[in-house]
Amino acid sequence: MKTTSPMLAAALLSFPAFAADPWGNADAKAGQAKHDAQCVACHAKMYGGDGSTIYTRQGRMLSTKLDILQRTAACNAQMNTGWFPEEEAEVAAYLNQTYYHFKE
């Protein structure tokens, strides 16, 4: 069984390459497929429609790339999706590319 700790993302900050880009060259397209398969139904149940309101709502708490990666890791652990850290990074890259557009 695969497990992921949300603390992994924070630990990666000790490596300079991850501080600038916490998911490196993760494949956002692969992340979209994982997101669509594992995240959309839950988000739609919580927020209605296609669930994307979770990313665009007033008062959202994410403000950096690392925040996205940590939130993705937390959802992975809560929902037991079984993603490896590399897969969490793909989803985080997709979310940033599609909704957040954070530079750092």
PDB file of N, CA and C in Angstrom:
ATOM      1  N   MET A   1       0.845  -1.177   0.000  1.00  0.00           N
ATOM      2  CA  MET A   1       0.000   0.000   0.000  1.00  0.00           C
ATOM      3  C   MET A   1       0.891   1.241   0.000  1.00  0.00           C
ATOM      4  N   LYS A   2       0.543   2.202  -0.830  1.00  0.00           N
ATOM      5  CA  LYS A   2       1.292   3.447  -0.918  1.00  0.00           C
ATOM      6  C   LYS A   2       0.757   4.430   0.106  1.00  0.00           C
ATOM      7  N   THR A   3       1.649   5.135   0.779  1.00  0.00           N
ATOM      8  CA  THR A   3       1.234   6.190   1.686  1.00  0.00           C
ATOM      9  C   THR A   3       2.075   7.418   1.431  1.00  0.00           C
ATOM     10  N   THR A   4       1.511   8.564   1.713  1.00  0.00           N
ATOM     11  CA  THR A   4       2.213   9.825   1.511  1.00  0.00           C
ATOM     12  C   THR A   4       1.990  10.703   2.727  1.00  0.00           C
ATOM     13  N   SER A   5       3.035  11.338   3.183  1.00  0.00           N
ATOM     14  CA  SER A   5       2.922  12.261   4.295  1.00  0.00           C
ATOM     15  C   SER A   5       2.916  13.689   3.766  1.00  0.00           C
ATOM     16  N   PRO A   6       1.979  14.523   4.207  1.00  0.00           N
ATOM     17  CA  PRO A   6       2.011  15.926   3.797  1.00  0.00           C
ATOM     18  C   PRO A   6       3.315  16.622   4.202  1.00  0.00           C
ATOM     19  N   MET A   7       4.024  16.046   5.157  1.00  0.00           N
ATOM     20  CA  MET A   7       5.278  16.637   5.593  1.00  0.00           C
ATOM     21  C   MET A   7       6.377  16.482   4.542  1.00  0.00           C
ATOM     22  N   LEU A   8       6.195  15.597   3.571  1.00  0.00           N
ATOM     23  CA  LEU A   8       7.199  15.417   2.533  1.00  0.00           C
ATOM     24  C   LEU A   8       7.473  16.714   1.791  1.00  0.00           C
ATOM     25  N   ALA A   9       6.435  17.421   1.430  1.00  0.00           N
ATOM     26  CA  ALA A   9       6.618  18.677   0.695  1.00  0.00           C
ATOM     27  C   ALA A   9       7.454  19.663   1.501  1.00  0.00           C
ATOM     28  N   ALA A  10       7.192  19.750   2.786  1.00  0.00           N
ATOM     29  CA  ALA A  10       7.979  20.659   3.626  1.00  0.00           C
ATOM     30  C   ALA A  10       9.430  20.204   3.712  1.00  0.00           C
ATOM     31  N   ALA A  11       9.651  18.912   3.783  1.00  0.00           N
ATOM     32  CA  ALA A  11      11.016  18.392   3.844  1.00  0.00           C
ATOM     33  C   ALA A  11      11.786  18.707   2.573  1.00  0.00           C
ATOM     34  N   LEU A  12      11.102  18.706   1.453  1.00  0.00           N
ATOM     35  CA  LEU A  12      11.766  18.983   0.189  1.00  0.00           C
ATOM     36  C   LEU A  12      12.318  20.403   0.119  1.00  0.00           C
ATOM     37  N   LEU A  13      11.783  21.293   0.925  1.00  0.00           N
ATOM     38  CA  LEU A  13      12.270  22.673   0.915  1.00  0.00           C
ATOM     39  C   LEU A  13      13.733  22.785   1.311  1.00  0.00           C
ATOM     40  N   SER A  14      14.243  21.771   1.974  1.00  0.00           N
ATOM     41  CA  SER A  14      15.649  21.825   2.362  1.00  0.00           C
ATOM     42  C   SER A  14      16.565  21.669   1.153  1.00  0.00           C
ATOM     43  N   PHE A  15      16.013  21.269   0.026  1.00  0.00           N
ATOM     44  CA  PHE A  15      16.771  21.166  -1.209  1.00  0.00           C
ATOM     45  C   PHE A  15      16.476  22.397  -2.062  1.00  0.00           C
ATOM     46  N   PRO A  16      17.491  23.200  -2.411  1.00  0.00           N
ATOM     47  CA  PRO A  16      17.264  24.463  -3.121  1.00  0.00           C
ATOM     48  C   PRO A  16      16.435  24.332  -4.393  1.00  0.00           C
ATOM     49  N   ALA A  17      16.583  23.260  -5.134  1.00  0.00           N
ATOM     50  CA  ALA A  17      15.828  23.107  -6.380  1.00  0.00           C
ATOM     51  C   ALA A  17      14.331  23.065  -6.119  1.00  0.00           C
ATOM     52  N   PHE A  18      13.914  22.471  -5.001  1.00  0.00           N
ATOM     53  CA  PHE A  18      12.501  22.376  -4.693  1.00  0.00           C
ATOM     54  C   PHE A  18      11.937  23.673  -4.128  1.00  0.00           C
ATOM     55  N   ALA A  19      12.775  24.487  -3.524  1.00  0.00           N
ATOM     56  CA  ALA A  19      12.292  25.748  -2.960  1.00  0.00           C
ATOM     57  C   ALA A  19      11.742  26.647  -4.057  1.00  0.00           C
ATOM     58  N   ALA A  20      12.384  26.662  -5.218  1.00  0.00           N
ATOM     59  CA  ALA A  20      11.927  27.493  -6.331  1.00  0.00           C
ATOM     60  C   ALA A  20      10.749  26.856  -7.054  1.00  0.00           C
ATOM     61  N   ASP A  21      10.780  25.560  -7.227  1.00  0.00           N
ATOM     62  CA  ASP A  21       9.719  24.859  -7.939  1.00  0.00           C
ATOM     63  C   ASP A  21       9.481  23.513  -7.266  1.00  0.00           C
ATOM     64  N   PRO A  22       8.545  23.446  -6.328  1.00  0.00           N
ATOM     65  CA  PRO A  22       8.388  22.263  -5.502  1.00  0.00           C
ATOM     66  C   PRO A  22       8.026  20.983  -6.246  1.00  0.00           C
ATOM     67  N   TRP A  23       7.568  21.079  -7.466  1.00  0.00           N
ATOM     68  CA  TRP A  23       7.259  19.842  -8.182  1.00  0.00           C
ATOM     69  C   TRP A  23       8.145  19.625  -9.396  1.00  0.00           C
ATOM     70  N   GLY A  24       9.179  20.420  -9.539  1.00  0.00           N
ATOM     71  CA  GLY A  24      10.149  20.193 -10.615  1.00  0.00           C
ATOM     72  C   GLY A  24       9.494  20.202 -11.979  1.00  0.00           C
ATOM     73  N   ASN A  25       9.754  19.180 -12.760  1.00  0.00           N
ATOM     74  CA  ASN A  25       9.221  19.117 -14.124  1.00  0.00           C
ATOM     75  C   ASN A  25       8.060  18.128 -14.227  1.00  0.00           C
ATOM     76  N   ALA A  26       7.214  18.095 -13.219  1.00  0.00           N
ATOM     77  CA  ALA A  26       6.068  17.186 -13.199  1.00  0.00           C
ATOM     78  C   ALA A  26       5.164  17.434 -14.406  1.00  0.00           C
ATOM     79  N   ASP A  27       4.555  16.378 -14.890  1.00  0.00           N
ATOM     80  CA  ASP A  27       3.702  16.398 -16.080  1.00  0.00           C
ATOM     81  C   ASP A  27       2.279  16.832 -15.710  1.00  0.00           C
ATOM     82  N   ALA A  28       1.948  18.072 -16.024  1.00  0.00           N
ATOM     83  CA  ALA A  28       0.628  18.611 -15.695  1.00  0.00           C
ATOM     84  C   ALA A  28      -0.489  17.864 -16.422  1.00  0.00           C
ATOM     85  N   LYS A  29      -0.232  17.377 -17.626  1.00  0.00           N
ATOM     86  CA  LYS A  29      -1.259  16.633 -18.368  1.00  0.00           C
ATOM     87  C   LYS A  29      -1.599  15.331 -17.650  1.00  0.00           C
ATOM     88  N   ALA A  30      -0.587  14.647 -17.140  1.00  0.00           N
ATOM     89  CA  ALA A  30      -0.828  13.432 -16.354  1.00  0.00           C
ATOM     90  C   ALA A  30      -1.575  13.796 -15.073  1.00  0.00           C
ATOM     91  N   GLY A  31      -1.242  14.952 -14.512  1.00  0.00           N
ATOM     92  CA  GLY A  31      -1.932  15.421 -13.319  1.00  0.00           C
ATOM     93  C   GLY A  31      -3.408  15.679 -13.566  1.00  0.00           C
ATOM     94  N   GLN A  32      -3.735  16.189 -14.742  1.00  0.00           N
ATOM     95  CA  GLN A  32      -5.145  16.431 -15.066  1.00  0.00           C
ATOM     96  C   GLN A  32      -5.921  15.122 -15.079  1.00  0.00           C
ATOM     97  N   ALA A  33      -5.352  14.092 -15.648  1.00  0.00           N
ATOM     98  CA  ALA A  33      -6.035  12.798 -15.691  1.00  0.00           C
ATOM     99  C   ALA A  33      -6.277  12.267 -14.280  1.00  0.00           C
ATOM    100  N   LYS A  34      -5.283  12.381 -13.417  1.00  0.00           N
ATOM    101  CA  LYS A  34      -5.443  11.936 -12.025  1.00  0.00           C
ATOM    102  C   LYS A  34      -6.491  12.785 -11.310  1.00  0.00           C
ATOM    103  N   HIS A  35      -6.413  14.093 -11.495  1.00  0.00           N
ATOM    104  CA  HIS A  35      -7.378  15.008 -10.884  1.00  0.00           C
ATOM    105  C   HIS A  35      -8.797  14.661 -11.324  1.00  0.00           C
ATOM    106  N   ASP A  36      -8.986  14.486 -12.625  1.00  0.00           N
ATOM    107  CA  ASP A  36     -10.328  14.206 -13.141  1.00  0.00           C
ATOM    108  C   ASP A  36     -10.868  12.881 -12.613  1.00  0.00           C
ATOM    109  N   ALA A  37      -9.983  11.905 -12.452  1.00  0.00           N
ATOM    110  CA  ALA A  37     -10.415  10.586 -11.983  1.00  0.00           C
ATOM    111  C   ALA A  37     -10.657  10.543 -10.477  1.00  0.00           C
ATOM    112  N   GLN A  38      -9.890  11.297  -9.693  1.00  0.00           N
ATOM    113  CA  GLN A  38      -9.939  11.146  -8.246  1.00  0.00           C
ATOM    114  C   GLN A  38     -10.509  12.339  -7.477  1.00  0.00           C
ATOM    115  N   CYS A  39     -10.492  13.528  -8.045  1.00  0.00           N
ATOM    116  CA  CYS A  39     -10.833  14.736  -7.275  1.00  0.00           C
ATOM    117  C   CYS A  39     -12.185  15.341  -7.634  1.00  0.00           C
ATOM    118  N   VAL A  40     -12.546  15.293  -8.895  1.00  0.00           N
ATOM    119  CA  VAL A  40     -13.711  16.034  -9.381  1.00  0.00           C
ATOM    120  C   VAL A  40     -14.997  15.635  -8.671  1.00  0.00           C
ATOM    121  N   ALA A  41     -15.245  14.360  -8.488  1.00  0.00           N
ATOM    122  CA  ALA A  41     -16.506  13.922  -7.888  1.00  0.00           C
ATOM    123  C   ALA A  41     -16.662  14.467  -6.464  1.00  0.00           C
ATOM    124  N   CYS A  42     -15.592  14.410  -5.678  1.00  0.00           N
ATOM    125  CA  CYS A  42     -15.655  14.917  -4.308  1.00  0.00           C
ATOM    126  C   CYS A  42     -15.861  16.431  -4.304  1.00  0.00           C
ATOM    127  N   HIS A  43     -15.125  17.130  -5.145  1.00  0.00           N
ATOM    128  CA  HIS A  43     -15.251  18.592  -5.187  1.00  0.00           C
ATOM    129  C   HIS A  43     -16.638  19.004  -5.687  1.00  0.00           C
ATOM    130  N   ALA A  44     -17.185  18.275  -6.644  1.00  0.00           N
ATOM    131  CA  ALA A  44     -18.531  18.577  -7.140  1.00  0.00           C
ATOM    132  C   ALA A  44     -19.563  18.360  -6.042  1.00  0.00           C
ATOM    133  N   LYS A  45     -19.364  17.333  -5.247  1.00  0.00           N
ATOM    134  CA  LYS A  45     -20.280  17.072  -4.138  1.00  0.00           C
ATOM    135  C   LYS A  45     -20.214  18.208  -3.110  1.00  0.00           C
ATOM    136  N   MET A  46     -19.006  18.727  -2.871  1.00  0.00           N
ATOM    137  CA  MET A  46     -18.816  19.787  -1.884  1.00  0.00           C
ATOM    138  C   MET A  46     -19.270  21.159  -2.388  1.00  0.00           C
ATOM    139  N   TYR A  47     -19.009  21.442  -3.688  1.00  0.00           N
ATOM    140  CA  TYR A  47     -19.211  22.791  -4.209  1.00  0.00           C
ATOM    141  C   TYR A  47     -20.197  22.872  -5.366  1.00  0.00           C
ATOM    142  N   GLY A  48     -20.695  21.755  -5.840  1.00  0.00           N
ATOM    143  CA  GLY A  48     -21.643  21.754  -6.938  1.00  0.00           C
ATOM    144  C   GLY A  48     -20.972  21.914  -8.291  1.00  0.00           C
ATOM    145  N   GLY A  49     -21.766  21.809  -9.324  1.00  0.00           N
ATOM    146  CA  GLY A  49     -21.257  21.957 -10.689  1.00  0.00           C
ATOM    147  C   GLY A  49     -20.132  20.991 -10.974  1.00  0.00           C
ATOM    148  N   ASP A  50     -19.068  21.505 -11.578  1.00  0.00           N
ATOM    149  CA  ASP A  50     -17.929  20.641 -11.897  1.00  0.00           C
ATOM    150  C   ASP A  50     -16.898  20.602 -10.771  1.00  0.00           C
ATOM    151  N   GLY A  51     -17.170  21.277  -9.665  1.00  0.00           N
ATOM    152  CA  GLY A  51     -16.283  21.257  -8.507  1.00  0.00           C
ATOM    153  C   GLY A  51     -15.141  22.244  -8.555  1.00  0.00           C
ATOM    154  N   SER A  52     -14.966  22.948  -9.668  1.00  0.00           N
ATOM    155  CA  SER A  52     -13.829  23.851  -9.797  1.00  0.00           C
ATOM    156  C   SER A  52     -13.937  25.088  -8.902  1.00  0.00           C
ATOM    157  N   THR A  53     -15.108  25.337  -8.350  1.00  0.00           N
ATOM    158  CA  THR A  53     -15.279  26.469  -7.446  1.00  0.00           C
ATOM    159  C   THR A  53     -14.347  26.359  -6.242  1.00  0.00           C
ATOM    160  N   ILE A  54     -13.955  25.149  -5.887  1.00  0.00           N
ATOM    161  CA  ILE A  54     -13.042  24.969  -4.766  1.00  0.00           C
ATOM    162  C   ILE A  54     -11.734  25.726  -4.997  1.00  0.00           C
ATOM    163  N   TYR A  55     -11.333  25.881  -6.250  1.00  0.00           N
ATOM    164  CA  TYR A  55     -10.077  26.548  -6.577  1.00  0.00           C
ATOM    165  C   TYR A  55     -10.223  28.055  -6.771  1.00  0.00           C
ATOM    166  N   THR A  56     -11.420  28.514  -7.035  1.00  0.00           N
ATOM    167  CA  THR A  56     -11.615  29.923  -7.394  1.00  0.00           C
ATOM    168  C   THR A  56     -12.454  30.697  -6.374  1.00  0.00           C
ATOM    169  N   ARG A  57     -12.895  30.060  -5.324  1.00  0.00           N
ATOM    170  CA  ARG A  57     -13.793  30.696  -4.357  1.00  0.00           C
ATOM    171  C   ARG A  57     -13.096  31.804  -3.572  1.00  0.00           C
ATOM    172  N   GLN A  58     -13.885  32.700  -3.028  1.00  0.00           N
ATOM    173  CA  GLN A  58     -13.384  33.759  -2.150  1.00  0.00           C
ATOM    174  C   GLN A  58     -12.791  33.107  -0.900  1.00  0.00           C
ATOM    175  N   GLY A  59     -11.712  33.661  -0.406  1.00  0.00           N
ATOM    176  CA  GLY A  59     -11.136  33.179   0.835  1.00  0.00           C
ATOM    177  C   GLY A  59     -10.328  31.905   0.722  1.00  0.00           C
ATOM    178  N   ARG A  60      -9.988  31.513  -0.489  1.00  0.00           N
ATOM    179  CA  ARG A  60      -9.179  30.295  -0.606  1.00  0.00           C
ATOM    180  C   ARG A  60      -7.859  30.511   0.124  1.00  0.00           C
ATOM    181  N   MET A  61      -7.305  29.453   0.651  1.00  0.00           N
ATOM    182  CA  MET A  61      -6.167  29.557   1.558  1.00  0.00           C
ATOM    183  C   MET A  61      -4.811  29.337   0.880  1.00  0.00           C
ATOM    184  N   LEU A  62      -4.769  28.995  -0.366  1.00  0.00           N
ATOM    185  CA  LEU A  62      -3.507  28.686  -1.030  1.00  0.00           C
ATOM    186  C   LEU A  62      -2.921  29.936  -1.672  1.00  0.00           C
ATOM    187  N   SER A  63      -1.623  30.145  -1.472  1.00  0.00           N
ATOM    188  CA  SER A  63      -1.013  31.344  -2.047  1.00  0.00           C
ATOM    189  C   SER A  63       0.370  31.099  -2.642  1.00  0.00           C
ATOM    190  N   THR A  64       0.853  29.849  -2.632  1.00  0.00           N
ATOM    191  CA  THR A  64       2.146  29.519  -3.231  1.00  0.00           C
ATOM    192  C   THR A  64       2.073  28.141  -3.866  1.00  0.00           C
ATOM    193  N   LYS A  65       3.070  27.832  -4.681  1.00  0.00           N
ATOM    194  CA  LYS A  65       3.156  26.495  -5.267  1.00  0.00           C
ATOM    195  C   LYS A  65       3.262  25.425  -4.184  1.00  0.00           C
ATOM    196  N   LEU A  66       4.042  25.719  -3.158  1.00  0.00           N
ATOM    197  CA  LEU A  66       4.190  24.752  -2.072  1.00  0.00           C
ATOM    198  C   LEU A  66       2.855  24.499  -1.378  1.00  0.00           C
ATOM    199  N   ASP A  67       2.042  25.542  -1.205  1.00  0.00           N
ATOM    200  CA  ASP A  67       0.705  25.361  -0.628  1.00  0.00           C
ATOM    201  C   ASP A  67      -0.120  24.378  -1.451  1.00  0.00           C
ATOM    202  N   ILE A  68      -0.045  24.492  -2.773  1.00  0.00           N
ATOM    203  CA  ILE A  68      -0.799  23.578  -3.644  1.00  0.00           C
ATOM    204  C   ILE A  68      -0.310  22.153  -3.435  1.00  0.00           C
ATOM    205  N   LEU A  69       0.993  21.968  -3.415  1.00  0.00           N
ATOM    206  CA  LEU A  69       1.560  20.627  -3.244  1.00  0.00           C
ATOM    207  C   LEU A  69       1.177  20.047  -1.894  1.00  0.00           C
ATOM    208  N   GLN A  70       1.238  20.836  -0.845  1.00  0.00           N
ATOM    209  CA  GLN A  70       0.875  20.346   0.484  1.00  0.00           C
ATOM    210  C   GLN A  70      -0.611  19.996   0.556  1.00  0.00           C
ATOM    211  N   ARG A  71      -1.456  20.810  -0.060  1.00  0.00           N
ATOM    212  CA  ARG A  71      -2.902  20.518  -0.054  1.00  0.00           C
ATOM    213  C   ARG A  71      -3.198  19.248  -0.845  1.00  0.00           C
ATOM    214  N   THR A  72      -2.508  19.090  -1.962  1.00  0.00           N
ATOM    215  CA  THR A  72      -2.683  17.883  -2.771  1.00  0.00           C
ATOM    216  C   THR A  72      -2.258  16.649  -1.974  1.00  0.00           C
ATOM    217  N   ALA A  73      -1.150  16.748  -1.265  1.00  0.00           N
ATOM    218  CA  ALA A  73      -0.680  15.634  -0.434  1.00  0.00           C
ATOM    219  C   ALA A  73      -1.684  15.325   0.678  1.00  0.00           C
ATOM    220  N   ALA A  74      -2.246  16.367   1.286  1.00  0.00           N
ATOM    221  CA  ALA A  74      -3.227  16.162   2.344  1.00  0.00           C
ATOM    222  C   ALA A  74      -4.489  15.480   1.804  1.00  0.00           C
ATOM    223  N   CYS A  75      -4.965  15.915   0.654  1.00  0.00           N
ATOM    224  CA  CYS A  75      -6.143  15.269   0.046  1.00  0.00           C
ATOM    225  C   CYS A  75      -5.835  13.818  -0.310  1.00  0.00           C
ATOM    226  N   ASN A  76      -4.650  13.581  -0.828  1.00  0.00           N
ATOM    227  CA  ASN A  76      -4.234  12.223  -1.151  1.00  0.00           C
ATOM    228  C   ASN A  76      -4.318  11.338   0.095  1.00  0.00           C
ATOM    229  N   ALA A  77      -3.795  11.827   1.205  1.00  0.00           N
ATOM    230  CA  ALA A  77      -3.819  11.051   2.448  1.00  0.00           C
ATOM    231  C   ALA A  77      -5.241  10.871   2.971  1.00  0.00           C
ATOM    232  N   GLN A  78      -6.047  11.939   2.933  1.00  0.00           N
ATOM    233  CA  GLN A  78      -7.415  11.870   3.446  1.00  0.00           C
ATOM    234  C   GLN A  78      -8.293  10.933   2.622  1.00  0.00           C
ATOM    235  N   MET A  79      -8.117  10.980   1.312  1.00  0.00           N
ATOM    236  CA  MET A  79      -8.973  10.205   0.428  1.00  0.00           C
ATOM    237  C   MET A  79      -8.377   8.838   0.084  1.00  0.00           C
ATOM    238  N   ASN A  80      -7.140   8.596   0.553  1.00  0.00           N
ATOM    239  CA  ASN A  80      -6.470   7.324   0.327  1.00  0.00           C
ATOM    240  C   ASN A  80      -6.398   6.967  -1.156  1.00  0.00           C
ATOM    241  N   THR A  81      -6.035   7.953  -1.974  1.00  0.00           N
ATOM    242  CA  THR A  81      -5.928   7.707  -3.411  1.00  0.00           C
ATOM    243  C   THR A  81      -4.731   6.846  -3.753  1.00  0.00           C
ATOM    244  N   GLY A  82      -3.725   6.834  -2.882  1.00  0.00           N
ATOM    245  CA  GLY A  82      -2.569   5.985  -3.106  1.00  0.00           C
ATOM    246  C   GLY A  82      -1.536   6.557  -4.052  1.00  0.00           C
ATOM    247  N   TRP A  83      -1.565   7.859  -4.260  1.00  0.00           N
ATOM    248  CA  TRP A  83      -0.576   8.467  -5.154  1.00  0.00           C
ATOM    249  C   TRP A  83       0.786   8.520  -4.492  1.00  0.00           C
ATOM    250  N   PHE A  84       1.811   8.317  -5.289  1.00  0.00           N
ATOM    251  CA  PHE A  84       3.180   8.555  -4.868  1.00  0.00           C
ATOM    252  C   PHE A  84       3.437  10.062  -4.905  1.00  0.00           C
ATOM    253  N   PRO A  85       4.482  10.548  -4.230  1.00  0.00           N
ATOM    254  CA  PRO A  85       4.781  11.986  -4.264  1.00  0.00           C
ATOM    255  C   PRO A  85       4.911  12.551  -5.679  1.00  0.00           C
ATOM    256  N   GLU A  86       5.446  11.770  -6.593  1.00  0.00           N
ATOM    257  CA  GLU A  86       5.572  12.238  -7.975  1.00  0.00           C
ATOM    258  C   GLU A  86       4.203  12.480  -8.604  1.00  0.00           C
ATOM    259  N   GLU A  87       3.242  11.660  -8.244  1.00  0.00           N
ATOM    260  CA  GLU A  87       1.884  11.820  -8.763  1.00  0.00           C
ATOM    261  C   GLU A  87       1.192  13.019  -8.119  1.00  0.00           C
ATOM    262  N   GLU A  88       1.431  13.239  -6.842  1.00  0.00           N
ATOM    263  CA  GLU A  88       0.914  14.439  -6.185  1.00  0.00           C
ATOM    264  C   GLU A  88       1.456  15.681  -6.890  1.00  0.00           C
ATOM    265  N   ALA A  89       2.740  15.624  -7.251  1.00  0.00           N
ATOM    266  CA  ALA A  89       3.372  16.755  -7.939  1.00  0.00           C
ATOM    267  C   ALA A  89       2.720  16.998  -9.293  1.00  0.00           C
ATOM    268  N   GLU A  90       2.344  15.942  -9.992  1.00  0.00           N
ATOM    269  CA  GLU A  90       1.666  16.113 -11.289  1.00  0.00           C
ATOM    270  C   GLU A  90       0.337  16.828 -11.109  1.00  0.00           C
ATOM    271  N   VAL A  91      -0.429  16.430 -10.106  1.00  0.00           N
ATOM    272  CA  VAL A  91      -1.723  17.068  -9.851  1.00  0.00           C
ATOM    273  C   VAL A  91      -1.520  18.527  -9.443  1.00  0.00           C
ATOM    274  N   ALA A  92      -0.541  18.776  -8.582  1.00  0.00           N
ATOM    275  CA  ALA A  92      -0.252  20.153  -8.165  1.00  0.00           C
ATOM    276  C   ALA A  92       0.147  21.012  -9.360  1.00  0.00           C
ATOM    277  N   ALA A  93       0.960  20.459 -10.257  1.00  0.00           N
ATOM    278  CA  ALA A  93       1.368  21.202 -11.453  1.00  0.00           C
ATOM    279  C   ALA A  93       0.155  21.524 -12.321  1.00  0.00           C
ATOM    280  N   TYR A  94      -0.749  20.565 -12.477  1.00  0.00           N
ATOM    281  CA  TYR A  94      -1.971  20.799 -13.248  1.00  0.00           C
ATOM    282  C   TYR A  94      -2.817  21.909 -12.608  1.00  0.00           C
ATOM    283  N   LEU A  95      -3.004  21.834 -11.297  1.00  0.00           N
ATOM    284  CA  LEU A  95      -3.819  22.839 -10.614  1.00  0.00           C
ATOM    285  C   LEU A  95      -3.223  24.231 -10.757  1.00  0.00           C
ATOM    286  N   ASN A  96      -1.915  24.333 -10.634  1.00  0.00           N
ATOM    287  CA  ASN A  96      -1.281  25.639 -10.779  1.00  0.00           C
ATOM    288  C   ASN A  96      -1.424  26.151 -12.210  1.00  0.00           C
ATOM    289  N   GLN A  97      -1.200  25.288 -13.164  1.00  0.00           N
ATOM    290  CA  GLN A  97      -1.297  25.676 -14.572  1.00  0.00           C
ATOM    291  C   GLN A  97      -2.714  26.114 -14.934  1.00  0.00           C
ATOM    292  N   THR A  98      -3.710  25.466 -14.363  1.00  0.00           N
ATOM    293  CA  THR A  98      -5.101  25.700 -14.740  1.00  0.00           C
ATOM    294  C   THR A  98      -5.781  26.796 -13.924  1.00  0.00           C
ATOM    295  N   TYR A  99      -5.516  26.839 -12.611  1.00  0.00           N
ATOM    296  CA  TYR A  99      -6.279  27.728 -11.736  1.00  0.00           C
ATOM    297  C   TYR A  99      -5.463  28.812 -11.036  1.00  0.00           C
ATOM    298  N   TYR A 100      -4.288  28.488 -10.558  1.00  0.00           N
ATOM    299  CA  TYR A 100      -3.597  29.398  -9.644  1.00  0.00           C
ATOM    300  C   TYR A 100      -2.572  30.314 -10.314  1.00  0.00           C
ATOM    301  N   HIS A 101      -1.762  29.780 -11.177  1.00  0.00           N
ATOM    302  CA  HIS A 101      -0.755  30.551 -11.908  1.00  0.00           C
ATOM    303  C   HIS A 101       0.284  31.215 -11.000  1.00  0.00           C
ATOM    304  N   PHE A 102       0.663  30.529  -9.922  1.00  0.00           N
ATOM    305  CA  PHE A 102       1.694  31.062  -9.035  1.00  0.00           C
ATOM    306  C   PHE A 102       3.057  30.902  -9.678  1.00  0.00           C
ATOM    307  N   LYS A 103       3.892  31.909  -9.521  1.00  0.00           N
ATOM    308  CA  LYS A 103       5.260  31.846 -10.016  1.00  0.00           C
ATOM    309  C   LYS A 103       6.168  31.151  -9.014  1.00  0.00           C
ATOM    310  N   GLU A 104       5.905  31.346  -7.721  1.00  0.00           N
ATOM    311  CA  GLU A 104       6.713  30.746  -6.649  1.00  0.00           C
ATOM    312  C   GLU A 104       5.862  29.885  -5.763  1.00  0.00           C
TER     313      GLU A 104
END
